[in-house]
Structure formats: structure tokens, C-alpha cells
Amino acid sequence: MTEAEIHIDYLDPDGFKRTHSVRSEIEAEDFLSDLQESIDVVTKDGFFLVMEETQYVFIPPGQVLRITFSLINEEEGS
């Protein structure tokens, strides 16, 4: 199984640096195109930190400081 771990450093409304992390399964051969698409979306459109039925928290693209990615390849039984 291959997973991508994405960390988005951003400034909260009070100006403090925070990090939002997401981890999901991906196809290893699609990693580069998925990576580019994620960077484009976050840096141009921002991202939703929380998206629930009663609460929505949006981080605008101007508040994003850095995006880092890790490709994690885990084999069954290891």
C-alpha cells in the first residue's frame, strides 16, 4: 500500500503558525500529477481546514506558508 502524507503550514486568524496534515492512499505512479494538482488547488484557491455539517473553516491561499509531501510505501506484513 502506498500513502501520501501532506502537511500544510498556514497562519491562523491570530497570526500563529499551524500545520494541517492529511494522509490518504494513492497510486504511486500518479503521485507527481496528484502532487501538482494539490499544490495548484491550495495555492490558488486555499483549503478547508474543517468542513462539517455545522462548521466550515476556510484558510485563504494568502495564509498558506508551505506544503510538504511524504510518499509512504508500506508492504503488507512489515
Protein backbone atom coordinates (compact mmCIF):
# COMPACT_ATOMS: atom_id res chain seq x y z
CA MET A 1 0.00 0.00 0.00
CA THR A 2 1.25 3.47 -0.85
CA GLU A 3 0.11 6.56 1.03
CA ALA A 4 0.76 10.26 0.65
CA GLU A 5 1.11 12.41 3.74
CA ILE A 6 0.58 16.13 3.15
CA HIS A 7 1.42 18.84 5.67
CA ILE A 8 0.15 22.37 5.04
CA ASP A 9 1.73 25.10 7.19
CA TYR A 10 -0.52 28.16 7.44
CA LEU A 11 -1.25 31.21 9.58
CA ASP A 12 -4.39 31.09 11.70
CA PRO A 13 -6.57 34.23 12.14
CA ASP A 14 -4.43 35.30 15.11
CA GLY A 15 -1.22 35.09 13.05
CA PHE A 16 0.09 31.91 14.68
CA LYS A 17 1.72 29.23 12.53
CA ARG A 18 -0.29 26.00 12.42
CA THR A 19 0.03 22.75 10.48
CA HIS A 20 -2.79 20.75 8.91
CA SER A 21 -1.96 17.13 8.00
CA VAL A 22 -3.77 14.77 5.67
CA ARG A 23 -2.93 11.18 4.83
CA SER A 24 -4.53 9.10 2.07
CA GLU A 25 -3.92 6.08 -0.11
CA ILE A 26 -2.68 6.86 -3.61
CA GLU A 27 -1.39 5.17 -6.72
CA ALA A 28 2.41 5.60 -6.69
CA GLU A 29 2.56 6.19 -10.46
CA ASP A 30 0.06 9.07 -10.12
CA PHE A 31 1.91 10.73 -7.23
CA LEU A 32 3.55 13.51 -9.26
CA SER A 33 0.36 14.55 -11.05
CA ASP A 34 -1.62 14.40 -7.78
CA LEU A 35 1.11 16.43 -6.10
CA GLN A 36 0.98 19.15 -8.76
CA GLU A 37 -2.82 19.28 -8.63
CA SER A 38 -2.79 19.62 -4.83
CA ILE A 39 -0.24 22.44 -4.96
CA ASP A 40 -2.26 24.28 -7.63
CA VAL A 41 -5.52 23.99 -5.71
CA VAL A 42 -4.16 25.00 -2.30
CA THR A 43 -2.00 27.91 -3.51
CA LYS A 44 -4.68 29.34 -5.83
CA ASP A 45 -7.91 28.53 -4.00
CA GLY A 46 -6.94 27.89 -0.36
CA PHE A 47 -8.37 24.91 1.51
CA PHE A 48 -10.99 23.95 4.06
CA LEU A 49 -9.46 23.11 7.43
CA VAL A 50 -12.80 21.93 8.83
CA MET A 51 -15.80 21.03 6.73
CA GLU A 52 -18.59 19.62 8.84
CA GLU A 53 -22.35 19.92 8.80
CA THR A 54 -22.38 22.86 11.22
CA GLN A 55 -18.90 24.34 10.95
CA TYR A 56 -16.81 25.42 7.97
CA VAL A 57 -13.32 26.87 8.37
CA PHE A 58 -11.61 28.15 5.23
CA ILE A 59 -7.91 29.02 5.02
CA PRO A 60 -7.33 31.52 2.18
CA PRO A 61 -4.38 30.93 -0.18
CA GLY A 62 -2.56 34.02 1.17
CA GLN A 63 -2.30 32.34 4.59
CA VAL A 64 -0.58 29.18 3.27
CA LEU A 65 3.13 29.22 4.13
CA ARG A 66 4.42 25.85 2.94
CA ILE A 67 3.21 22.48 1.66
CA THR A 68 5.30 19.35 2.26
CA PHE A 69 4.64 15.84 0.98
CA SER A 70 5.83 12.40 2.00
CA LEU A 71 5.34 9.26 -0.04
CA ILE A 72 4.98 6.28 2.29
CA ASN A 73 5.29 2.80 0.80
CA GLU A 74 4.12 0.14 3.21
CA GLU A 75 4.20 -3.51 2.27
CA GLU A 76 1.81 -5.91 3.95
CA GLY A 77 3.34 -7.73 6.88
CA SER A 78 6.08 -5.18 7.51
